[in-house]
Amino acid sequence: QVQLVESGGRLVQAGGSLRLSCAASGIILSANRMGWYRQAPGKQRELVAGIISDGTTNYADSVKGRFTISRDDAKNTVYLQMDSLKPEDTAVYYCNCNVQGPLSRTYYWGQGTQVTVSS
């Protein structure tokens, strides 16, 4: 069974930093496309950062220059370093692994971790 477990979310003041972790089992993250998504109340879920197998990354415009996605292959863990946090970053953050199989694409999701940024 594939399992993705996020951790690290908490209450933090604006301007502060957090590092989220996504620990995986049952799947090799370096062989697949990984992403961090977030969803605020009343808002659609959005991709904030992604990383593919060769290490190439991409970011939503709203977080460029502030967030960094990285991967530790030895630990099979993906991280999201969040700096200069703003109240609008408040959301539940989800780890995702996107696997393209021969017949269909499968999205694996973690349970989410709450990030709250106070002003």
Protein backbone atom coordinates (compact mmCIF):
# COMPACT_ATOMS: atom_id res chain seq x y z
CA GLN A 1 0.00 0.00 0.00
CA VAL A 2 1.13 3.51 -0.86
CA GLN A 3 1.19 5.93 2.03
CA LEU A 4 2.16 9.60 2.10
CA VAL A 5 2.37 11.27 5.51
CA GLU A 6 2.75 15.04 5.82
CA SER A 7 4.04 16.74 8.93
CA GLY A 8 5.35 20.09 10.10
CA GLY A 9 2.28 22.30 9.84
CA ARG A 10 1.54 24.66 12.73
CA LEU A 11 0.61 28.20 13.67
CA VAL A 12 3.29 30.72 12.72
CA GLN A 13 3.49 34.50 12.59
CA ALA A 14 3.67 36.37 9.30
CA GLY A 15 7.25 36.60 8.10
CA GLY A 16 8.19 33.33 9.75
CA SER A 17 9.28 30.02 8.27
CA LEU A 18 8.16 26.40 8.29
CA ARG A 19 9.41 23.21 6.71
CA LEU A 20 6.85 20.61 5.74
CA SER A 21 7.81 16.97 5.26
CA CYS A 22 6.19 14.22 3.21
CA ALA A 23 7.42 10.75 4.09
CA ALA A 24 6.49 8.00 1.63
CA SER A 25 6.18 4.25 1.83
CA GLY A 26 5.19 1.78 -0.87
CA ILE A 27 6.46 4.05 -3.64
CA ILE A 28 9.78 5.55 -4.72
CA LEU A 29 9.35 9.30 -4.88
CA SER A 30 12.39 9.92 -7.05
CA ALA A 31 10.83 7.82 -9.83
CA ASN A 32 7.63 9.87 -9.98
CA ARG A 33 6.25 13.39 -10.18
CA MET A 34 5.75 14.95 -6.75
CA GLY A 35 3.87 18.05 -5.74
CA TRP A 36 2.75 20.12 -2.81
CA TYR A 37 -0.81 21.40 -3.03
CA ARG A 38 -2.81 23.58 -0.70
CA GLN A 39 -6.47 24.25 -0.11
CA ALA A 40 -7.90 27.10 1.91
CA PRO A 41 -11.54 27.14 3.10
CA GLY A 42 -13.85 28.02 0.22
CA LYS A 43 -11.00 27.85 -2.29
CA GLN A 44 -10.00 25.29 -4.88
CA ARG A 45 -6.98 23.11 -4.33
CA GLU A 46 -3.94 24.53 -6.08
CA LEU A 47 -0.46 23.33 -6.92
CA VAL A 48 2.16 25.39 -5.11
CA ALA A 49 5.34 23.46 -5.96
CA GLY A 50 6.32 20.43 -8.02
CA ILE A 51 9.39 18.33 -8.62
CA ILE A 52 9.95 15.64 -11.26
CA SER A 53 12.32 12.69 -11.29
CA ASP A 54 15.29 14.59 -12.74
CA GLY A 55 15.01 17.24 -10.03
CA THR A 56 13.38 19.96 -12.11
CA THR A 57 11.08 22.14 -10.01
CA ASN A 58 8.25 24.54 -10.66
CA TYR A 59 6.30 26.93 -8.46
CA ALA A 60 3.09 28.86 -8.42
CA ASP A 61 3.63 32.57 -9.02
CA SER A 62 2.29 33.35 -5.55
CA VAL A 63 5.12 31.46 -3.82
CA LYS A 64 8.09 31.98 -6.16
CA GLY A 65 11.09 33.20 -4.25
CA ARG A 66 9.59 32.18 -0.91
CA PHE A 67 9.01 28.41 -1.11
CA THR A 68 11.48 25.68 -2.05
CA ILE A 69 10.63 22.05 -2.81
CA SER A 70 13.34 19.43 -2.38
CA ARG A 71 13.74 15.67 -2.14
CA ASP A 72 15.92 13.43 0.01
CA ASP A 73 16.14 10.16 -1.90
CA ALA A 74 17.85 8.29 0.95
CA LYS A 75 14.89 9.08 3.20
CA ASN A 76 12.27 8.83 0.43
CA THR A 77 10.96 12.17 1.66
CA VAL A 78 9.92 15.41 -0.04
CA TYR A 79 10.14 18.75 1.74
CA LEU A 80 8.60 22.16 1.31
CA GLN A 81 10.61 24.97 2.86
CA MET A 82 8.37 27.99 3.34
CA ASP A 83 9.93 31.37 4.13
CA SER A 84 8.47 34.86 4.45
CA LEU A 85 5.07 33.40 5.18
CA LYS A 86 1.98 35.51 4.60
CA PRO A 87 -1.54 35.18 6.02
CA GLU A 88 -2.76 34.19 2.55
CA ASP A 89 -0.56 31.09 2.79
CA THR A 90 -2.94 29.72 5.42
CA ALA A 91 -4.30 26.40 4.14
CA VAL A 92 -4.18 22.66 4.48
CA TYR A 93 -1.11 21.48 2.60
CA TYR A 94 -1.18 18.13 0.83
CA CYS A 95 1.59 15.97 -0.58
CA ASN A 96 0.87 14.32 -3.93
CA CYS A 97 2.54 11.65 -6.03
CA ASN A 98 1.47 11.45 -9.68
CA VAL A 99 2.03 8.03 -11.25
CA GLN A 100 1.43 7.40 -14.96
CA GLY A 101 0.67 3.73 -15.57
CA PRO A 102 0.00 1.92 -18.84
CA LEU A 103 -3.78 2.46 -18.70
CA SER A 104 -4.38 5.38 -16.36
CA ARG A 105 -2.86 8.07 -14.20
CA THR A 106 -3.04 7.61 -10.44
CA TYR A 107 -2.81 10.38 -7.85
CA TYR A 108 -1.77 9.46 -4.34
CA TRP A 109 -2.48 11.95 -1.57
CA GLY A 110 -1.41 12.42 2.00
CA GLN A 111 -3.84 13.34 4.76
CA GLY A 112 -2.80 16.99 4.82
CA THR A 113 -1.18 19.22 7.41
CA GLN A 114 -2.60 22.55 8.58
CA VAL A 115 -0.54 25.71 8.17
CA THR A 116 -1.91 28.85 9.80
CA VAL A 117 -0.14 32.19 9.38
CA SER A 118 -1.21 34.96 11.75
CA SER A 119 -0.88 38.65 10.96
